[in-house]
Amino acid sequence: MAAATSVWIVVVTVVAAGIGGIGFFAGYEYRGSPAASATTAENSTLSLEAAGTLSIAFPQLASALANETSGISAPSAAQKYTGSLGVAASITSLGARIDVAAFADFRTAPTLLEPTFASYEVVFAGTSEALVYNASLPAFHGINSSNWGTTLINAVAAPGVPKFGVWNASTDPNGYNEIFSMMLQGLLYDGGNASAVYAHFYLGAPGQYATPDPATTVIELEAQAAALVRSGVVSAVITYQSYAIANHLTYVPLDPIVGLSANSSAALHDYAALSTKILSSTGALTTVVPAPILFAATVPLNAPNPALGAAFLELLVSYQGERILTQDGWVPIAPAWTDHPGAVPPVLAPEVTGLPSWAGGFLP
């Protein structure tokens, strides 16, 4: 996977900055730099920006931290859920100062934030892509993990069936992940042809800039996926299985390789054969390759309350955090992974370990 080191991609990441003194958040001891004292943190408002698909799990975690820690507040007004690339850009280009940043692609923080804006990431959970669809439409009857590609093509072509909803791949990792799932479905189930499903919904050859076909698709905001399908604005979407579970949506689970949840040698081989292009923050075309879907988080180096950000991060990877993630359809990683074990604060050291070699191959 050496080729992946030249690829730019986004990730959900919450990294903890150093914190000092000794104190307790939500029952967990923390230690860190003298600049972030317990007094400062315990009279603070948690601020965070995260991937849109974390908009159910993260508010639960933020509320738990606030409820269990005197002097801490976590109002919804201080939480923003949007595309992961937008989260990174708000820190690097707009000067946003937040306690926690989280991304839907574990490559985002190492590629876009480190070392200037963050010192490490914590990879805390994985999920798979899934096809969410409107079960009231007869065109989807009989759909399953093997035939969803051809079924989706035929359904969208049927009279009266709404278009397929897609996401902006240049601002949201799910936008390029859905492209890869279509390509992989063609490779594994539709004649070994990466264009078999993809070409019905995107203009541009595989490996090039993918433009959604206006005849079959409509570009929407991923965070609104549940409302879009339920209201009939779109007939179906590809989104994270965890999002489908948390929102009680009807979905088809995808083959682990197609759904980008596998990390076997066969999966990594298939991923290495594919790519697409997105627009970077500078407007230049940038190549993206498939990788297993892993969410990560970081405490930015300019966080106003790094101790509070680290407390949230510790809660995220604790048993309590794992329980919340699991009930919302995530697959927690325990112990969590980090790209820089030596930079992790002592409070997190027992809860994290280094990245497995296959994952490290995707990072710069």
Protein backbone atom coordinates (compact mmCIF):
# COMPACT_ATOMS: atom_id res chain seq x y z
CA MET A 1 0.00 0.00 0.00
CA ALA A 2 2.94 2.33 -0.47
CA ALA A 3 1.05 4.18 -3.20
CA ALA A 4 -1.45 5.35 -0.64
CA THR A 5 1.09 7.58 1.02
CA SER A 6 0.75 10.11 -1.81
CA VAL A 7 -3.01 10.23 -1.54
CA TRP A 8 -4.93 12.93 0.30
CA ILE A 9 -7.96 11.80 2.27
CA VAL A 10 -10.12 12.92 5.20
CA VAL A 11 -10.76 11.24 8.55
CA VAL A 12 -12.81 11.75 11.69
CA THR A 13 -10.28 12.46 14.41
CA VAL A 14 -10.27 13.56 18.04
CA VAL A 15 -6.74 14.09 19.35
CA ALA A 16 -5.92 15.00 22.90
CA ALA A 17 -3.47 17.78 23.60
CA GLY A 18 -1.34 17.61 26.71
CA ILE A 19 -3.04 18.44 29.97
CA GLY A 20 -1.63 19.17 33.37
CA GLY A 21 -2.24 18.74 37.02
CA ILE A 22 -4.44 15.93 38.25
CA GLY A 23 -8.21 15.95 38.17
CA PHE A 24 -11.25 13.88 37.27
CA PHE A 25 -13.73 14.05 34.39
CA ALA A 26 -16.69 11.70 34.29
CA GLY A 27 -14.92 9.56 36.85
CA TYR A 28 -11.72 9.23 34.81
CA GLU A 29 -8.38 10.60 36.01
CA TYR A 30 -6.50 12.87 33.63
CA ARG A 31 -3.04 14.40 33.66
CA GLY A 32 -1.58 17.07 31.43
CA SER A 33 0.23 20.35 30.94
CA PRO A 34 0.08 23.10 33.59
CA ALA A 35 -1.54 25.41 31.03
CA ALA A 36 -4.75 23.41 31.16
CA SER A 37 -5.58 23.30 34.83
CA ALA A 38 -8.52 21.47 36.34
CA THR A 39 -9.99 24.81 37.39
CA THR A 40 -10.03 26.06 33.81
CA ALA A 41 -11.50 22.84 32.43
CA GLU A 42 -14.11 22.40 35.12
CA ASN A 43 -15.71 25.75 34.34
CA SER A 44 -15.84 25.27 30.62
CA THR A 45 -18.09 24.69 27.65
CA LEU A 46 -17.22 21.77 25.42
CA SER A 47 -16.95 22.82 21.78
CA LEU A 48 -16.64 20.33 18.96
CA GLU A 49 -16.96 19.87 15.22
CA ALA A 50 -17.50 16.41 13.82
CA ALA A 51 -18.65 14.40 10.83
CA GLY A 52 -22.37 14.62 10.23
CA THR A 53 -22.92 10.92 10.88
CA LEU A 54 -21.72 11.38 14.48
CA SER A 55 -24.65 13.69 15.20
CA ILE A 56 -26.43 11.06 17.29
CA ALA A 57 -23.61 9.40 19.23
CA PHE A 58 -21.53 12.48 20.02
CA PRO A 59 -24.33 14.54 21.63
CA GLN A 60 -25.01 11.57 23.90
CA LEU A 61 -21.36 11.45 24.91
CA ALA A 62 -21.17 15.21 25.38
CA SER A 63 -24.26 15.15 27.60
CA ALA A 64 -22.84 12.28 29.64
CA LEU A 65 -19.63 14.22 30.21
CA ALA A 66 -21.53 17.34 31.26
CA ASN A 67 -23.93 15.43 33.50
CA GLU A 68 -21.14 13.59 35.30
CA THR A 69 -18.76 16.54 35.73
CA SER A 70 -19.50 19.60 37.81
CA GLY A 71 -19.07 22.91 36.00
CA ILE A 72 -19.00 21.43 32.50
CA SER A 73 -21.60 22.30 29.87
CA ALA A 74 -22.05 20.83 26.40
CA PRO A 75 -24.81 22.81 24.66
CA SER A 76 -25.91 21.86 21.16
CA ALA A 77 -25.02 25.38 20.02
CA ALA A 78 -21.35 24.56 20.62
CA GLN A 79 -21.52 21.41 18.51
CA LYS A 80 -21.33 21.41 14.73
CA TYR A 81 -21.87 18.36 12.53
CA THR A 82 -20.84 18.67 8.92
CA GLY A 83 -18.60 17.14 6.25
CA SER A 84 -15.26 15.95 7.58
CA LEU A 85 -13.26 17.96 5.06
CA GLY A 86 -15.16 21.02 6.16
CA VAL A 87 -14.19 20.31 9.76
CA ALA A 88 -10.52 20.19 8.81
CA ALA A 89 -10.80 23.36 6.72
CA SER A 90 -12.44 25.25 9.56
CA ILE A 91 -9.34 24.59 11.67
CA THR A 92 -6.65 25.08 9.03
CA SER A 93 -8.18 27.89 6.96
CA LEU A 94 -10.76 29.62 9.14
CA GLY A 95 -8.88 29.54 12.43
CA ALA A 96 -11.60 27.73 14.35
CA ARG A 97 -10.71 26.99 17.98
CA ILE A 98 -12.54 23.88 19.17
CA ASP A 99 -11.88 21.28 21.85
CA VAL A 100 -12.62 18.22 19.72
CA ALA A 101 -12.51 17.54 15.98
CA ALA A 102 -13.79 14.26 14.63
CA PHE A 103 -13.66 12.82 11.13
CA ALA A 104 -15.14 9.96 9.12
CA ASP A 105 -11.82 8.97 7.57
CA PHE A 106 -8.80 8.11 9.70
CA ARG A 107 -6.49 9.67 7.12
CA THR A 108 -7.82 13.21 7.58
CA ALA A 109 -6.00 14.38 10.69
CA PRO A 110 -2.59 12.89 9.83
CA THR A 111 -2.81 14.31 6.30
CA LEU A 112 -4.45 17.70 6.87
CA LEU A 113 -3.82 18.63 10.51
CA GLU A 114 -0.61 17.06 11.72
CA PRO A 115 1.82 18.31 12.87
CA THR A 116 0.81 21.98 12.74
CA PHE A 117 -2.74 21.72 14.07
CA ALA A 118 -2.72 18.37 15.90
CA SER A 119 -0.12 16.02 17.34
CA TYR A 120 -1.92 12.68 17.04
CA GLU A 121 -5.25 11.03 16.39
CA VAL A 122 -7.28 8.36 18.14
CA VAL A 123 -9.06 5.88 15.88
CA PHE A 124 -12.10 4.81 17.87
CA ALA A 125 -14.64 2.95 15.69
CA GLY A 126 -15.42 1.45 12.33
CA THR A 127 -18.53 0.88 10.28
CA SER A 128 -19.55 -0.28 6.81
CA GLU A 129 -21.35 1.32 3.92
CA ALA A 130 -24.96 0.21 3.43
CA LEU A 131 -27.66 0.90 0.87
CA VAL A 132 -30.57 2.67 2.56
CA TYR A 133 -33.77 2.59 0.50
CA ASN A 134 -37.47 3.43 0.62
CA ALA A 135 -39.06 0.05 1.34
CA SER A 136 -42.49 1.29 0.22
CA LEU A 137 -41.30 1.39 -3.40
CA PRO A 138 -42.11 -1.90 -5.21
CA ALA A 139 -39.02 -1.46 -7.37
CA PHE A 140 -36.85 -2.44 -4.39
CA HIS A 141 -38.67 -5.67 -3.55
CA GLY A 142 -36.24 -8.59 -3.43
CA ILE A 143 -33.15 -6.45 -3.01
CA ASN A 144 -30.20 -8.08 -1.22
CA SER A 145 -26.46 -7.79 -0.69
CA SER A 146 -25.67 -9.45 -4.01
CA ASN A 147 -28.14 -7.80 -6.38
CA TRP A 148 -28.44 -4.30 -4.92
CA GLY A 149 -26.44 -2.75 -7.73
CA THR A 150 -28.65 -3.95 -10.58
CA THR A 151 -31.78 -3.50 -8.47
CA LEU A 152 -30.86 0.13 -7.77
CA ILE A 153 -30.18 0.77 -11.46
CA ASN A 154 -33.54 -0.68 -12.49
CA ALA A 155 -35.42 1.04 -9.67
CA VAL A 156 -34.18 4.53 -10.48
CA ALA A 157 -35.07 3.93 -14.16
CA ALA A 158 -38.65 2.94 -13.27
CA PRO A 159 -41.45 5.50 -13.76
CA GLY A 160 -42.28 7.56 -10.68
CA VAL A 161 -39.25 6.47 -8.64
CA PRO A 162 -37.24 9.37 -7.17
CA LYS A 163 -33.57 9.78 -8.03
CA PHE A 164 -30.66 8.33 -6.07
CA GLY A 165 -29.21 10.66 -3.42
CA VAL A 166 -25.45 11.27 -3.46
CA TRP A 167 -23.03 13.35 -1.38
CA ASN A 168 -20.35 15.85 -2.35
CA ALA A 169 -17.17 13.77 -2.49
CA SER A 170 -14.99 16.88 -2.19
CA THR A 171 -16.34 17.78 1.25
CA ASP A 172 -17.50 14.46 2.67
CA PRO A 173 -15.66 11.11 2.83
CA ASN A 174 -18.98 9.33 2.40
CA GLY A 175 -19.16 10.97 -1.01
CA TYR A 176 -16.10 9.17 -2.27
CA ASN A 177 -16.82 6.03 -0.25
CA GLU A 178 -20.15 5.54 -2.03
CA ILE A 179 -18.29 5.84 -5.34
CA PHE A 180 -15.90 3.10 -4.25
CA SER A 181 -18.74 0.85 -3.08
CA MET A 182 -20.34 1.11 -6.53
CA MET A 183 -17.04 0.30 -8.23
CA LEU A 184 -16.38 -2.64 -5.91
CA GLN A 185 -19.89 -3.99 -6.42
CA GLY A 186 -19.21 -4.04 -10.15
CA LEU A 187 -15.86 -5.75 -9.67
CA LEU A 188 -17.14 -8.46 -7.33
CA TYR A 189 -20.72 -9.05 -8.47
CA ASP A 190 -21.27 -7.57 -11.92
CA GLY A 191 -18.78 -9.09 -14.28
CA GLY A 192 -15.57 -7.69 -12.82
CA ASN A 193 -16.37 -4.28 -14.28
CA ALA A 194 -15.83 -1.26 -12.01
CA SER A 195 -18.18 0.76 -14.24
CA ALA A 196 -21.09 -1.70 -14.16
CA VAL A 197 -22.93 0.16 -11.37
CA TYR A 198 -20.86 3.34 -11.11
CA ALA A 199 -21.44 4.47 -14.73
CA HIS A 200 -25.22 4.61 -14.22
CA PHE A 201 -24.84 7.31 -11.55
CA TYR A 202 -21.58 9.14 -12.31
CA LEU A 203 -20.02 10.73 -15.36
CA GLY A 204 -16.27 10.33 -15.74
CA ALA A 205 -14.29 7.11 -15.93
CA PRO A 206 -13.20 5.32 -12.75
CA GLY A 207 -10.07 7.01 -11.47
CA GLN A 208 -11.10 10.41 -12.81
CA TYR A 209 -13.22 13.21 -11.33
CA ALA A 210 -16.68 11.75 -10.74
CA THR A 211 -19.57 14.05 -11.65
CA PRO A 212 -22.99 12.88 -10.43
CA ASP A 213 -25.27 12.19 -13.40
CA PRO A 214 -28.22 14.60 -13.14
CA ALA A 215 -30.43 12.10 -14.97
CA THR A 216 -30.23 9.58 -12.11
CA THR A 217 -28.89 11.41 -9.07
CA VAL A 218 -29.46 14.44 -6.89
CA ILE A 219 -26.73 15.91 -4.66
CA GLU A 220 -27.85 16.31 -1.06
CA LEU A 221 -26.39 16.80 2.42
CA GLU A 222 -25.43 13.52 4.07
CA ALA A 223 -26.62 14.62 7.50
CA GLN A 224 -30.16 14.81 6.07
CA ALA A 225 -30.14 11.27 4.67
CA ALA A 226 -32.84 9.92 6.98
CA ALA A 227 -35.26 12.76 6.22
CA LEU A 228 -34.55 12.58 2.49
CA VAL A 229 -35.43 8.89 2.24
CA ARG A 230 -38.43 9.05 4.57
CA SER A 231 -39.94 12.05 2.79
CA GLY A 232 -39.46 10.54 -0.65
CA VAL A 233 -37.09 13.22 -1.92
CA VAL A 234 -34.73 10.39 -2.91
CA SER A 235 -35.38 6.70 -3.42
CA ALA A 236 -32.16 5.47 -1.86
CA VAL A 237 -28.71 6.50 -0.60
CA ILE A 238 -25.46 4.82 0.30
CA THR A 239 -24.46 5.80 3.82
CA TYR A 240 -22.88 4.30 6.88
CA GLN A 241 -24.58 1.25 8.36
CA SER A 242 -24.19 2.80 11.81
CA TYR A 243 -26.21 5.82 10.63
CA ALA A 244 -28.91 3.53 9.24
CA ILE A 245 -29.14 1.62 12.52
CA ALA A 246 -29.19 4.74 14.70
CA ASN A 247 -31.94 6.27 12.56
CA HIS A 248 -33.97 3.05 12.22
CA LEU A 249 -33.78 3.03 8.43
CA THR A 250 -34.35 0.12 6.07
CA TYR A 251 -31.05 -0.92 4.56
CA VAL A 252 -29.14 -3.63 2.73
CA PRO A 253 -25.81 -4.59 4.34
CA LEU A 254 -23.04 -4.76 1.76
CA ASP A 255 -20.34 -7.34 1.25
CA PRO A 256 -17.53 -6.40 3.70
CA ILE A 257 -15.15 -5.51 0.86
CA VAL A 258 -17.83 -3.58 -1.05
CA GLY A 259 -18.86 -1.83 2.18
CA LEU A 260 -15.23 -0.88 2.95
CA SER A 261 -15.21 -2.57 6.34
CA ALA A 262 -12.73 -5.34 5.46
CA ASN A 263 -8.96 -5.19 5.94
CA SER A 264 -7.97 -8.64 4.68
CA SER A 265 -5.25 -9.02 2.07
CA ALA A 266 -7.93 -9.62 -0.56
CA ALA A 267 -9.75 -6.44 0.43
CA LEU A 268 -6.58 -4.35 0.43
CA HIS A 269 -5.70 -5.75 -3.01
CA ASP A 270 -9.10 -4.73 -4.39
CA TYR A 271 -8.89 -1.29 -2.81
CA ALA A 272 -5.46 -0.68 -4.32
CA ALA A 273 -6.88 -1.16 -7.82
CA LEU A 274 -9.31 1.77 -7.54
CA SER A 275 -9.25 5.53 -7.14
CA THR A 276 -11.23 8.67 -7.86
CA LYS A 277 -10.47 12.39 -7.86
CA ILE A 278 -11.91 15.15 -5.69
CA LEU A 279 -11.37 18.88 -5.45
CA SER A 280 -9.03 19.92 -2.65
CA SER A 281 -9.48 23.09 -0.60
CA THR A 282 -7.27 24.88 -3.14
CA GLY A 283 -9.43 23.79 -6.06
CA ALA A 284 -6.88 21.33 -7.42
CA LEU A 285 -7.80 17.76 -8.31
CA THR A 286 -6.55 15.27 -5.74
CA THR A 287 -6.49 11.49 -5.96
CA VAL A 288 -8.28 9.43 -3.32
CA VAL A 289 -8.03 5.66 -2.92
CA PRO A 290 -10.36 3.32 -0.98
CA ALA A 291 -9.53 2.41 2.60
CA PRO A 292 -11.44 0.68 5.41
CA ILE A 293 -13.90 3.10 7.03
CA LEU A 294 -12.47 4.13 10.38
CA PHE A 295 -13.55 7.14 12.43
CA ALA A 296 -10.98 9.12 14.39
CA ALA A 297 -10.78 12.18 16.60
CA THR A 298 -8.31 14.73 17.93
CA VAL A 299 -7.96 17.63 20.30
CA PRO A 300 -6.50 20.42 18.11
CA LEU A 301 -3.34 22.07 19.38
CA ASN A 302 -5.16 25.43 19.59
CA ALA A 303 -8.10 24.01 21.56
CA PRO A 304 -9.44 26.54 24.09
CA ASN A 305 -9.87 23.75 26.67
CA PRO A 306 -7.48 20.90 25.82
CA ALA A 307 -8.13 19.20 29.17
CA LEU A 308 -11.83 19.14 28.44
CA GLY A 309 -11.21 17.84 24.93
CA ALA A 310 -9.03 15.07 26.33
CA ALA A 311 -11.72 14.21 28.89
CA PHE A 312 -14.23 13.80 26.06
CA LEU A 313 -11.76 11.63 24.20
CA GLU A 314 -11.18 9.41 27.20
CA LEU A 315 -14.93 9.00 27.66
CA LEU A 316 -15.23 8.16 23.96
CA VAL A 317 -12.82 5.21 24.26
CA SER A 318 -14.05 4.08 27.68
CA TYR A 319 -16.50 1.24 28.28
CA GLN A 320 -19.29 3.80 28.60
CA GLY A 321 -18.35 5.30 25.24
CA GLU A 322 -18.13 1.88 23.63
CA ARG A 323 -21.62 1.07 24.89
CA ILE A 324 -23.09 4.23 23.35
CA LEU A 325 -21.30 3.63 20.06
CA THR A 326 -22.40 -0.02 19.94
CA GLN A 327 -26.07 0.76 20.52
CA ASP A 328 -25.89 3.23 17.63
CA GLY A 329 -24.49 0.62 15.26
CA TRP A 330 -20.76 1.35 15.46
CA VAL A 331 -18.02 -1.23 15.94
CA PRO A 332 -15.78 0.26 18.67
CA ILE A 333 -12.04 -0.34 18.52
CA ALA A 334 -10.71 -1.38 21.92
CA PRO A 335 -8.07 -0.53 22.71
CA ALA A 336 -8.30 2.43 20.38
CA TRP A 337 -5.52 3.05 17.87
CA THR A 338 -3.24 6.06 17.61
CA ASP A 339 -0.74 7.11 14.98
CA HIS A 340 1.68 8.56 17.56
CA PRO A 341 1.69 6.57 20.82
CA GLY A 342 4.46 8.71 22.26
CA ALA A 343 2.35 11.85 21.94
CA VAL A 344 -0.65 10.46 23.79
CA PRO A 345 -1.19 11.93 27.30
CA PRO A 346 -0.62 9.52 30.21
CA VAL A 347 -4.34 9.35 30.91
CA LEU A 348 -4.99 7.84 27.49
CA ALA A 349 -1.94 5.59 27.28
CA PRO A 350 -3.67 2.54 28.84
CA GLU A 351 -6.60 2.91 26.42
CA VAL A 352 -4.71 3.09 23.11
CA THR A 353 -2.18 1.18 21.07
CA GLY A 354 -0.33 1.83 17.84
CA LEU A 355 -1.94 1.44 14.44
CA PRO A 356 -1.78 -2.01 12.86
CA SER A 357 0.71 -2.12 10.01
CA TRP A 358 -1.95 -2.32 7.30
CA ALA A 359 -3.60 0.87 8.57
CA GLY A 360 -0.31 2.71 8.92
CA GLY A 361 0.29 2.05 5.24
CA PHE A 362 -2.50 4.47 4.35
CA LEU A 363 -0.96 7.40 6.22
CA PRO A 364 1.73 9.85 5.08
